[in-house]
């Protein structure tokens, strides 16, 4: 807080120091000569110094399997950030012992020979990004992009929703975005939580859109003020409740008189190219 520089350091916990010392003993297959590593807790720097003779040097000078091994390379795009990445699988050798090393690094400056994460997952083999655990949200996002569902057309979205695009942010608490959904043609939708469907309540000129996923129907109503948002006026579990279409006949949800049923709101994707029209141009 005073503006002066300081250094904060913390060494490895004792259990990790003991584990590294034990691994070093087992790797050299000569416990009697390495008892000094197992006494006390020397710290990571001292462990590295004492085991320096066991480090693998690059390039390898020993002849054998590693020299004849053909390095393997997989190029793909990160499912999270979309940047190009390159995975390399190399073999190292010390004496009769060999080991594989997998290195994943950014390759944004490389050429465009990049496959998608989904294609990597279908590549035969036991290594690479395709065999790693992937969060379910990223798996669904990749699956949606791989199917290439066409976006909903302007005619399908109608006058009220079409100017704002097909991709919307979702904020469960009305403040911070924690989800998204995208409207596709023929009433199909993709969301953070899985595939779904959408349709308008009382026709394409209505301001209320019914978005259904995981058997839950959400009635989203457009609102205009400082910015265009939607609020939620109904949320129904279709396994136990009737759809809003079957019960709403007086138009109260459409004309804006119905109160919101939850703090959930959403807004057009900020990266979308479509602009919100001025309020005086809308009825």
C-alpha atoms as a PDB file:
ATOM      1  CA  UNK A   1       0.000   0.000   0.000  1.00  0.00           C
ATOM      2  CA  UNK A   2       2.984   2.280   0.548  1.00  0.00           C
ATOM      3  CA  UNK A   3       4.156   1.815  -3.033  1.00  0.00           C
ATOM      4  CA  UNK A   4       7.333  -0.127  -2.189  1.00  0.00           C
ATOM      5  CA  UNK A   5       8.169  -3.433  -3.835  1.00  0.00           C
ATOM      6  CA  UNK A   6       8.294  -6.667  -1.849  1.00  0.00           C
ATOM      7  CA  UNK A   7       8.724 -10.371  -2.566  1.00  0.00           C
ATOM      8  CA  UNK A   8       6.393 -13.019  -1.142  1.00  0.00           C
ATOM      9  CA  UNK A   9       7.674 -16.591  -1.367  1.00  0.00           C
ATOM     10  CA  UNK A  10       6.285 -19.922  -0.250  1.00  0.00           C
ATOM     11  CA  UNK A  11       8.113 -23.231  -0.625  1.00  0.00           C
ATOM     12  CA  UNK A  12       6.541 -26.583  -1.400  1.00  0.00           C
ATOM     13  CA  UNK A  13       4.569 -28.197   1.434  1.00  0.00           C
ATOM     14  CA  UNK A  14       6.478 -30.927   3.292  1.00  0.00           C
ATOM     15  CA  UNK A  15       4.382 -33.746   1.817  1.00  0.00           C
ATOM     16  CA  UNK A  16       5.218 -32.665  -1.749  1.00  0.00           C
ATOM     17  CA  UNK A  17       8.911 -32.353  -0.890  1.00  0.00           C
ATOM     18  CA  UNK A  18       8.840 -35.900   0.473  1.00  0.00           C
ATOM     19  CA  UNK A  19       6.996 -37.154  -2.627  1.00  0.00           C
ATOM     20  CA  UNK A  20       9.545 -35.583  -5.012  1.00  0.00           C
ATOM     21  CA  UNK A  21      12.409 -37.042  -3.003  1.00  0.00           C
ATOM     22  CA  UNK A  22      10.811 -40.485  -3.139  1.00  0.00           C
ATOM     23  CA  UNK A  23      10.223 -40.231  -6.911  1.00  0.00           C
ATOM     24  CA  UNK A  24      13.898 -39.325  -7.337  1.00  0.00           C
ATOM     25  CA  UNK A  25      14.959 -42.363  -5.328  1.00  0.00           C
ATOM     26  CA  UNK A  26      12.763 -44.701  -7.355  1.00  0.00           C
ATOM     27  CA  UNK A  27      13.885 -43.233 -10.684  1.00  0.00           C
ATOM     28  CA  UNK A  28      17.568 -43.805  -9.951  1.00  0.00           C
ATOM     29  CA  UNK A  29      16.917 -47.328  -8.599  1.00  0.00           C
ATOM     30  CA  UNK A  30      19.600 -46.710  -6.020  1.00  0.00           C
ATOM     31  CA  UNK A  31      18.031 -45.726  -2.721  1.00  0.00           C
ATOM     32  CA  UNK A  32      21.228 -46.080  -0.710  1.00  0.00           C
ATOM     33  CA  UNK A  33      22.961 -43.247  -2.558  1.00  0.00           C
ATOM     34  CA  UNK A  34      20.076 -40.813  -2.189  1.00  0.00           C
ATOM     35  CA  UNK A  35      19.261 -41.007   1.493  1.00  0.00           C
ATOM     36  CA  UNK A  36      20.278 -37.368   1.831  1.00  0.00           C
ATOM     37  CA  UNK A  37      17.196 -36.351  -0.141  1.00  0.00           C
ATOM     38  CA  UNK A  38      14.849 -38.108   2.248  1.00  0.00           C
ATOM     39  CA  UNK A  39      16.196 -36.492   5.400  1.00  0.00           C
ATOM     40  CA  UNK A  40      14.405 -33.312   6.403  1.00  0.00           C
ATOM     41  CA  UNK A  41      12.726 -30.926   4.000  1.00  0.00           C
ATOM     42  CA  UNK A  42      15.421 -29.244   1.873  1.00  0.00           C
ATOM     43  CA  UNK A  43      13.025 -27.241  -0.310  1.00  0.00           C
ATOM     44  CA  UNK A  44      12.394 -27.318  -4.055  1.00  0.00           C
ATOM     45  CA  UNK A  45      15.575 -25.454  -5.032  1.00  0.00           C
ATOM     46  CA  UNK A  46      17.790 -27.881  -3.127  1.00  0.00           C
ATOM     47  CA  UNK A  47      15.905 -30.917  -4.497  1.00  0.00           C
ATOM     48  CA  UNK A  48      16.471 -29.659  -8.065  1.00  0.00           C
ATOM     49  CA  UNK A  49      20.159 -29.089  -7.356  1.00  0.00           C
ATOM     50  CA  UNK A  50      20.705 -32.557  -5.873  1.00  0.00           C
ATOM     51  CA  UNK A  51      18.849 -34.304  -8.721  1.00  0.00           C
ATOM     52  CA  UNK A  52      20.353 -32.287 -11.570  1.00  0.00           C
ATOM     53  CA  UNK A  53      22.329 -35.254 -12.892  1.00  0.00           C
ATOM     54  CA  UNK A  54      19.033 -37.043 -13.599  1.00  0.00           C
ATOM     55  CA  UNK A  55      17.563 -34.320 -15.799  1.00  0.00           C
ATOM     56  CA  UNK A  56      16.759 -35.109 -19.443  1.00  0.00           C
ATOM     57  CA  UNK A  57      18.792 -33.053 -21.862  1.00  0.00           C
ATOM     58  CA  UNK A  58      17.553 -31.815 -25.245  1.00  0.00           C
ATOM     59  CA  UNK A  59      18.397 -32.818 -27.889  1.00  0.00           C
ATOM     60  CA  UNK A  60      18.856 -36.433 -26.859  1.00  0.00           C
ATOM     61  CA  UNK A  61      22.284 -37.855 -27.494  1.00  0.00           C
ATOM     62  CA  UNK A  62      21.579 -41.456 -26.587  1.00  0.00           C
ATOM     63  CA  UNK A  63      20.754 -43.748 -29.469  1.00  0.00           C
ATOM     64  CA  UNK A  64      17.670 -45.912 -29.291  1.00  0.00           C
ATOM     65  CA  UNK A  65      13.944 -45.813 -29.551  1.00  0.00           C
ATOM     66  CA  UNK A  66      13.513 -42.074 -29.045  1.00  0.00           C
ATOM     67  CA  UNK A  67      15.595 -41.133 -32.077  1.00  0.00           C
ATOM     68  CA  UNK A  68      13.461 -43.279 -34.381  1.00  0.00           C
ATOM     69  CA  UNK A  69      10.170 -42.018 -32.949  1.00  0.00           C
ATOM     70  CA  UNK A  70       8.285 -39.732 -35.295  1.00  0.00           C
ATOM     71  CA  UNK A  71       6.897 -36.701 -33.421  1.00  0.00           C
ATOM     72  CA  UNK A  72       3.145 -36.290 -33.791  1.00  0.00           C
ATOM     73  CA  UNK A  73       1.378 -32.972 -34.170  1.00  0.00           C
ATOM     74  CA  UNK A  74      -2.314 -32.108 -33.836  1.00  0.00           C
ATOM     75  CA  UNK A  75      -3.594 -28.648 -34.751  1.00  0.00           C
ATOM     76  CA  UNK A  76      -6.983 -27.517 -33.501  1.00  0.00           C
ATOM     77  CA  UNK A  77      -8.871 -24.590 -32.027  1.00  0.00           C
ATOM     78  CA  UNK A  78      -9.403 -24.114 -28.322  1.00  0.00           C
ATOM     79  CA  UNK A  79     -13.058 -24.746 -27.473  1.00  0.00           C
ATOM     80  CA  UNK A  80     -12.963 -21.966 -24.904  1.00  0.00           C
ATOM     81  CA  UNK A  81     -11.226 -19.009 -26.569  1.00  0.00           C
ATOM     82  CA  UNK A  82     -11.236 -20.149 -30.226  1.00  0.00           C
ATOM     83  CA  UNK A  83      -7.494 -19.489 -30.690  1.00  0.00           C
ATOM     84  CA  UNK A  84      -5.293 -21.850 -32.686  1.00  0.00           C
ATOM     85  CA  UNK A  85      -3.353 -24.397 -30.653  1.00  0.00           C
ATOM     86  CA  UNK A  86      -0.828 -27.061 -31.504  1.00  0.00           C
ATOM     87  CA  UNK A  87      -0.280 -30.277 -29.560  1.00  0.00           C
ATOM     88  CA  UNK A  88       3.059 -32.069 -29.926  1.00  0.00           C
ATOM     89  CA  UNK A  89       3.875 -35.559 -28.731  1.00  0.00           C
ATOM     90  CA  UNK A  90       7.620 -36.287 -28.375  1.00  0.00           C
ATOM     91  CA  UNK A  91       9.590 -39.222 -26.969  1.00  0.00           C
ATOM     92  CA  UNK A  92      12.543 -38.896 -24.607  1.00  0.00           C
ATOM     93  CA  UNK A  93      14.973 -41.541 -23.504  1.00  0.00           C
ATOM     94  CA  UNK A  94      17.500 -42.051 -20.723  1.00  0.00           C
ATOM     95  CA  UNK A  95      19.280 -45.356 -20.975  1.00  0.00           C
ATOM     96  CA  UNK A  96      16.677 -48.059 -21.503  1.00  0.00           C
ATOM     97  CA  UNK A  97      13.843 -45.902 -20.131  1.00  0.00           C
ATOM     98  CA  UNK A  98      11.591 -43.923 -22.473  1.00  0.00           C
ATOM     99  CA  UNK A  99       8.827 -41.434 -21.845  1.00  0.00           C
ATOM    100  CA  UNK A 100       6.351 -39.436 -23.936  1.00  0.00           C
ATOM    101  CA  UNK A 101       5.894 -35.726 -23.462  1.00  0.00           C
ATOM    102  CA  UNK A 102       2.819 -33.868 -24.654  1.00  0.00           C
ATOM    103  CA  UNK A 103       3.185 -30.126 -25.164  1.00  0.00           C
ATOM    104  CA  UNK A 104       0.210 -27.853 -25.859  1.00  0.00           C
ATOM    105  CA  UNK A 105       0.973 -24.315 -27.010  1.00  0.00           C
ATOM    106  CA  UNK A 106      -0.550 -21.365 -28.802  1.00  0.00           C
ATOM    107  CA  UNK A 107      -0.040 -21.381 -32.565  1.00  0.00           C
ATOM    108  CA  UNK A 108      -1.993 -18.295 -33.630  1.00  0.00           C
ATOM    109  CA  UNK A 109       0.765 -17.344 -36.055  1.00  0.00           C
ATOM    110  CA  UNK A 110       0.681 -20.728 -37.805  1.00  0.00           C
ATOM    111  CA  UNK A 111      -1.087 -21.500 -41.063  1.00  0.00           C
ATOM    112  CA  UNK A 112      -4.811 -22.204 -41.375  1.00  0.00           C
ATOM    113  CA  UNK A 113      -4.586 -25.985 -41.348  1.00  0.00           C
ATOM    114  CA  UNK A 114      -6.628 -26.202 -38.188  1.00  0.00           C
ATOM    115  CA  UNK A 115      -9.279 -28.733 -37.342  1.00  0.00           C
ATOM    116  CA  UNK A 116     -12.065 -28.275 -34.868  1.00  0.00           C
ATOM    117  CA  UNK A 117     -12.096 -29.728 -31.394  1.00  0.00           C
ATOM    118  CA  UNK A 118     -14.824 -32.149 -32.443  1.00  0.00           C
ATOM    119  CA  UNK A 119     -12.699 -33.542 -35.250  1.00  0.00           C
ATOM    120  CA  UNK A 120      -9.809 -33.990 -32.832  1.00  0.00           C
ATOM    121  CA  UNK A 121     -12.061 -36.030 -30.544  1.00  0.00           C
ATOM    122  CA  UNK A 122     -12.776 -38.423 -33.417  1.00  0.00           C
ATOM    123  CA  UNK A 123      -9.081 -38.874 -34.243  1.00  0.00           C
ATOM    124  CA  UNK A 124      -7.909 -42.399 -33.319  1.00  0.00           C
ATOM    125  CA  UNK A 125      -5.298 -42.528 -30.585  1.00  0.00           C
ATOM    126  CA  UNK A 126      -4.827 -42.163 -26.860  1.00  0.00           C
ATOM    127  CA  UNK A 127      -3.405 -38.667 -26.612  1.00  0.00           C
ATOM    128  CA  UNK A 128      -4.227 -35.086 -27.493  1.00  0.00           C
ATOM    129  CA  UNK A 129      -6.992 -32.589 -26.691  1.00  0.00           C
ATOM    130  CA  UNK A 130      -9.690 -34.933 -27.929  1.00  0.00           C
ATOM    131  CA  UNK A 131      -9.226 -37.396 -25.054  1.00  0.00           C
ATOM    132  CA  UNK A 132      -9.193 -34.779 -22.291  1.00  0.00           C
ATOM    133  CA  UNK A 133     -12.186 -34.045 -20.089  1.00  0.00           C
ATOM    134  CA  UNK A 134     -14.135 -31.087 -21.477  1.00  0.00           C
ATOM    135  CA  UNK A 135     -16.770 -29.111 -19.528  1.00  0.00           C
ATOM    136  CA  UNK A 136     -20.282 -29.959 -20.692  1.00  0.00           C
ATOM    137  CA  UNK A 137     -20.979 -26.350 -21.709  1.00  0.00           C
ATOM    138  CA  UNK A 138     -18.054 -26.354 -24.161  1.00  0.00           C
ATOM    139  CA  UNK A 139     -19.052 -29.779 -25.497  1.00  0.00           C
ATOM    140  CA  UNK A 140     -22.569 -28.528 -26.226  1.00  0.00           C
ATOM    141  CA  UNK A 141     -21.283 -25.291 -27.741  1.00  0.00           C
ATOM    142  CA  UNK A 142     -18.995 -27.244 -30.072  1.00  0.00           C
ATOM    143  CA  UNK A 143     -21.797 -29.658 -30.981  1.00  0.00           C
ATOM    144  CA  UNK A 144     -24.090 -26.773 -31.860  1.00  0.00           C
ATOM    145  CA  UNK A 145     -21.480 -25.138 -34.051  1.00  0.00           C
ATOM    146  CA  UNK A 146     -20.622 -28.436 -35.739  1.00  0.00           C
ATOM    147  CA  UNK A 147     -24.216 -29.092 -36.771  1.00  0.00           C
ATOM    148  CA  UNK A 148     -24.328 -25.648 -38.451  1.00  0.00           C
ATOM    149  CA  UNK A 149     -28.009 -25.027 -37.837  1.00  0.00           C
ATOM    150  CA  UNK A 150     -29.147 -22.054 -39.939  1.00  0.00           C
ATOM    151  CA  UNK A 151     -30.101 -18.975 -37.971  1.00  0.00           C
ATOM    152  CA  UNK A 152     -33.697 -17.844 -37.862  1.00  0.00           C
ATOM    153  CA  UNK A 153     -34.601 -15.531 -40.713  1.00  0.00           C
ATOM    154  CA  UNK A 154     -35.955 -12.010 -40.407  1.00  0.00           C
ATOM    155  CA  UNK A 155     -39.394 -13.241 -41.446  1.00  0.00           C
ATOM    156  CA  UNK A 156     -39.379 -15.921 -38.765  1.00  0.00           C
ATOM    157  CA  UNK A 157     -38.342 -13.480 -36.030  1.00  0.00           C
ATOM    158  CA  UNK A 158     -40.894 -10.845 -36.985  1.00  0.00           C
ATOM    159  CA  UNK A 159     -40.780  -7.092 -36.668  1.00  0.00           C
ATOM    160  CA  UNK A 160     -40.131  -6.899 -32.937  1.00  0.00           C
ATOM    161  CA  UNK A 161     -37.342  -9.440 -32.478  1.00  0.00           C
ATOM    162  CA  UNK A 162     -35.536  -9.469 -35.834  1.00  0.00           C
ATOM    163  CA  UNK A 163     -33.725  -6.091 -35.418  1.00  0.00           C
ATOM    164  CA  UNK A 164     -31.851  -7.464 -32.402  1.00  0.00           C
ATOM    165  CA  UNK A 165     -30.317 -10.560 -33.960  1.00  0.00           C
ATOM    166  CA  UNK A 166     -30.505 -14.224 -33.036  1.00  0.00           C
ATOM    167  CA  UNK A 167     -28.031 -14.417 -30.153  1.00  0.00           C
ATOM    168  CA  UNK A 168     -29.000 -13.226 -26.685  1.00  0.00           C
ATOM    169  CA  UNK A 169     -27.293 -12.976 -23.324  1.00  0.00           C
ATOM    170  CA  UNK A 170     -28.990 -14.401 -20.234  1.00  0.00           C
ATOM    171  CA  UNK A 171     -28.622 -13.113 -16.652  1.00  0.00           C
ATOM    172  CA  UNK A 172     -30.340 -15.276 -14.058  1.00  0.00           C
ATOM    173  CA  UNK A 173     -30.012 -12.667 -11.300  1.00  0.00           C
ATOM    174  CA  UNK A 174     -30.739  -9.728 -13.588  1.00  0.00           C
ATOM    175  CA  UNK A 175     -27.190  -8.395 -13.248  1.00  0.00           C
ATOM    176  CA  UNK A 176     -24.424 -10.742 -14.357  1.00  0.00           C
ATOM    177  CA  UNK A 177     -24.572 -12.829 -17.519  1.00  0.00           C
ATOM    178  CA  UNK A 178     -24.442 -16.539 -16.820  1.00  0.00           C
ATOM    179  CA  UNK A 179     -25.897 -17.981 -20.033  1.00  0.00           C
ATOM    180  CA  UNK A 180     -26.878 -17.461 -23.642  1.00  0.00           C
ATOM    181  CA  UNK A 181     -29.241 -18.733 -26.309  1.00  0.00           C
ATOM    182  CA  UNK A 182     -29.399 -18.591 -30.102  1.00  0.00           C
ATOM    183  CA  UNK A 183     -32.495 -18.764 -32.275  1.00  0.00           C
ATOM    184  CA  UNK A 184     -32.338 -21.055 -35.306  1.00  0.00           C
ATOM    185  CA  UNK A 185     -34.735 -21.616 -38.155  1.00  0.00           C
ATOM    186  CA  UNK A 186     -37.848 -23.783 -37.902  1.00  0.00           C
ATOM    187  CA  UNK A 187     -38.263 -23.077 -34.203  1.00  0.00           C
ATOM    188  CA  UNK A 188     -35.009 -24.681 -33.081  1.00  0.00           C
ATOM    189  CA  UNK A 189     -32.717 -23.105 -30.490  1.00  0.00           C
ATOM    190  CA  UNK A 190     -29.342 -23.731 -28.912  1.00  0.00           C
ATOM    191  CA  UNK A 191     -28.610 -22.634 -25.354  1.00  0.00           C
ATOM    192  CA  UNK A 192     -25.874 -22.915 -22.772  1.00  0.00           C
ATOM    193  CA  UNK A 193     -27.933 -25.652 -21.155  1.00  0.00           C
ATOM    194  CA  UNK A 194     -28.651 -27.716 -24.252  1.00  0.00           C
ATOM    195  CA  UNK A 195     -30.838 -27.713 -27.371  1.00  0.00           C
ATOM    196  CA  UNK A 196     -34.318 -26.263 -27.244  1.00  0.00           C
ATOM    197  CA  UNK A 197     -37.210 -24.797 -29.192  1.00  0.00           C
ATOM    198  CA  UNK A 198     -38.811 -21.380 -29.535  1.00  0.00           C
ATOM    199  CA  UNK A 199     -42.059 -19.869 -30.747  1.00  0.00           C
ATOM    200  CA  UNK A 200     -44.048 -16.684 -30.306  1.00  0.00           C
ATOM    201  CA  UNK A 201     -46.976 -16.313 -28.008  1.00  0.00           C
ATOM    202  CA  UNK A 202     -49.960 -15.169 -30.141  1.00  0.00           C
ATOM    203  CA  UNK A 203     -48.101 -15.068 -33.447  1.00  0.00           C
ATOM    204  CA  UNK A 204     -44.984 -13.417 -34.908  1.00  0.00           C
ATOM    205  CA  UNK A 205     -46.149  -9.874 -34.049  1.00  0.00           C
ATOM    206  CA  UNK A 206     -46.149 -10.642 -30.318  1.00  0.00           C
ATOM    207  CA  UNK A 207     -43.456  -9.271 -28.030  1.00  0.00           C
ATOM    208  CA  UNK A 208     -43.373 -12.466 -25.950  1.00  0.00           C
ATOM    209  CA  UNK A 209     -41.242 -15.394 -27.053  1.00  0.00           C
ATOM    210  CA  UNK A 210     -41.512 -18.861 -25.539  1.00  0.00           C
ATOM    211  CA  UNK A 211     -38.086 -20.464 -25.181  1.00  0.00           C
ATOM    212  CA  UNK A 212     -38.128 -24.085 -24.027  1.00  0.00           C
ATOM    213  CA  UNK A 213     -35.139 -26.195 -22.984  1.00  0.00           C
ATOM    214  CA  UNK A 214     -34.794 -29.062 -20.526  1.00  0.00           C
ATOM    215  CA  UNK A 215     -38.608 -29.317 -20.510  1.00  0.00           C
ATOM    216  CA  UNK A 216     -38.956 -25.849 -18.993  1.00  0.00           C
ATOM    217  CA  UNK A 217     -40.858 -23.140 -20.878  1.00  0.00           C
ATOM    218  CA  UNK A 218     -39.665 -19.556 -20.385  1.00  0.00           C
ATOM    219  CA  UNK A 219     -41.845 -16.657 -21.541  1.00  0.00           C
ATOM    220  CA  UNK A 220     -39.507 -13.804 -22.508  1.00  0.00           C
ATOM    221  CA  UNK A 221     -41.057 -10.393 -23.108  1.00  0.00           C
ATOM    222  CA  UNK A 222     -39.298  -7.516 -24.862  1.00  0.00           C
ATOM    223  CA  UNK A 223     -38.990  -4.290 -22.922  1.00  0.00           C
ATOM    224  CA  UNK A 224     -37.705  -0.909 -24.131  1.00  0.00           C
ATOM    225  CA  UNK A 225     -36.104   1.767 -22.004  1.00  0.00           C
ATOM    226  CA  UNK A 226     -32.496   2.884 -21.877  1.00  0.00           C
ATOM    227  CA  UNK A 227     -31.737  -0.314 -23.760  1.00  0.00           C
ATOM    228  CA  UNK A 228     -33.585  -3.279 -25.209  1.00  0.00           C
ATOM    229  CA  UNK A 229     -33.915  -6.203 -22.816  1.00  0.00           C
ATOM    230  CA  UNK A 230     -36.300  -9.050 -22.147  1.00  0.00           C
ATOM    231  CA  UNK A 231     -37.766 -10.006 -18.801  1.00  0.00           C
ATOM    232  CA  UNK A 232     -39.397 -13.286 -17.818  1.00  0.00           C
ATOM    233  CA  UNK A 233     -43.144 -13.302 -17.222  1.00  0.00           C
ATOM    234  CA  UNK A 234     -43.670 -17.033 -16.921  1.00  0.00           C
ATOM    235  CA  UNK A 235     -41.632 -20.151 -16.180  1.00  0.00           C
ATOM    236  CA  UNK A 236     -43.328 -23.525 -16.407  1.00  0.00           C
ATOM    237  CA  UNK A 237     -42.166 -27.117 -16.109  1.00  0.00           C
ATOM    238  CA  UNK A 238     -44.021 -28.769 -18.943  1.00  0.00           C
ATOM    239  CA  UNK A 239     -43.820 -32.182 -17.303  1.00  0.00           C
ATOM    240  CA  UNK A 240     -46.198 -30.931 -14.589  1.00  0.00           C
ATOM    241  CA  UNK A 241     -47.772 -27.726 -15.918  1.00  0.00           C
ATOM    242  CA  UNK A 242     -49.611 -26.641 -19.043  1.00  0.00           C
ATOM    243  CA  UNK A 243     -47.942 -24.439 -21.629  1.00  0.00           C
ATOM    244  CA  UNK A 244     -48.685 -20.723 -21.481  1.00  0.00           C
ATOM    245  CA  UNK A 245     -50.167 -21.025 -24.971  1.00  0.00           C
ATOM    246  CA  UNK A 246     -52.913 -23.255 -23.628  1.00  0.00           C
ATOM    247  CA  UNK A 247     -53.900 -20.851 -20.830  1.00  0.00           C
ATOM    248  CA  UNK A 248     -53.170 -17.297 -21.968  1.00  0.00           C
ATOM    249  CA  UNK A 249     -56.094 -16.051 -24.015  1.00  0.00           C
ATOM    250  CA  UNK A 250     -56.645 -12.467 -22.880  1.00  0.00           C
ATOM    251  CA  UNK A 251     -53.365 -11.012 -24.128  1.00  0.00           C
ATOM    252  CA  UNK A 252     -52.193  -9.608 -20.778  1.00  0.00           C
ATOM    253  CA  UNK A 253     -48.688 -11.023 -21.232  1.00  0.00           C
ATOM    254  CA  UNK A 254     -48.438  -9.469 -24.682  1.00  0.00           C
ATOM    255  CA  UNK A 255     -49.525  -5.944 -23.784  1.00  0.00           C
ATOM    256  CA  UNK A 256     -46.969  -5.652 -20.977  1.00  0.00           C
ATOM    257  CA  UNK A 257     -49.357  -5.601 -18.024  1.00  0.00           C
ATOM    258  CA  UNK A 258     -48.183  -8.878 -16.524  1.00  0.00           C
ATOM    259  CA  UNK A 259     -45.489  -8.552 -13.836  1.00  0.00           C
ATOM    260  CA  UNK A 260     -42.157 -10.319 -14.193  1.00  0.00           C
ATOM    261  CA  UNK A 261     -42.030 -13.652 -12.398  1.00  0.00           C
ATOM    262  CA  UNK A 262     -38.270 -13.617 -11.719  1.00  0.00           C
ATOM    263  CA  UNK A 263     -35.295 -11.231 -11.820  1.00  0.00           C
ATOM    264  CA  UNK A 264     -33.992 -12.939 -14.987  1.00  0.00           C
ATOM    265  CA  UNK A 265     -33.319 -10.576 -17.891  1.00  0.00           C
ATOM    266  CA  UNK A 266     -31.420 -10.752 -21.184  1.00  0.00           C
ATOM    267  CA  UNK A 267     -30.122  -8.491 -23.889  1.00  0.00           C
ATOM    268  CA  UNK A 268     -28.895  -8.801 -27.481  1.00  0.00           C
ATOM    269  CA  UNK A 269     -25.398 -10.130 -27.931  1.00  0.00           C
ATOM    270  CA  UNK A 270     -23.103  -7.061 -27.652  1.00  0.00           C
ATOM    271  CA  UNK A 271     -21.010  -8.420 -30.510  1.00  0.00           C
ATOM    272  CA  UNK A 272     -23.988  -8.673 -32.862  1.00  0.00           C
ATOM    273  CA  UNK A 273     -23.851  -6.445 -35.924  1.00  0.00           C
ATOM    274  CA  UNK A 274     -27.548  -5.498 -35.841  1.00  0.00           C
ATOM    275  CA  UNK A 275     -28.427  -2.235 -34.144  1.00  0.00           C
ATOM    276  CA  UNK A 276     -31.469  -1.512 -32.016  1.00  0.00           C
ATOM    277  CA  UNK A 277     -33.836   0.779 -33.920  1.00  0.00           C
ATOM    278  CA  UNK A 278     -34.999   4.016 -32.287  1.00  0.00           C
ATOM    279  CA  UNK A 279     -38.129   3.706 -30.180  1.00  0.00           C
ATOM    280  CA  UNK A 280     -40.159   6.157 -32.283  1.00  0.00           C
ATOM    281  CA  UNK A 281     -39.854   3.810 -35.268  1.00  0.00           C
ATOM    282  CA  UNK A 282     -41.693   1.008 -33.449  1.00  0.00           C
ATOM    283  CA  UNK A 283     -45.339   0.596 -32.516  1.00  0.00           C
END
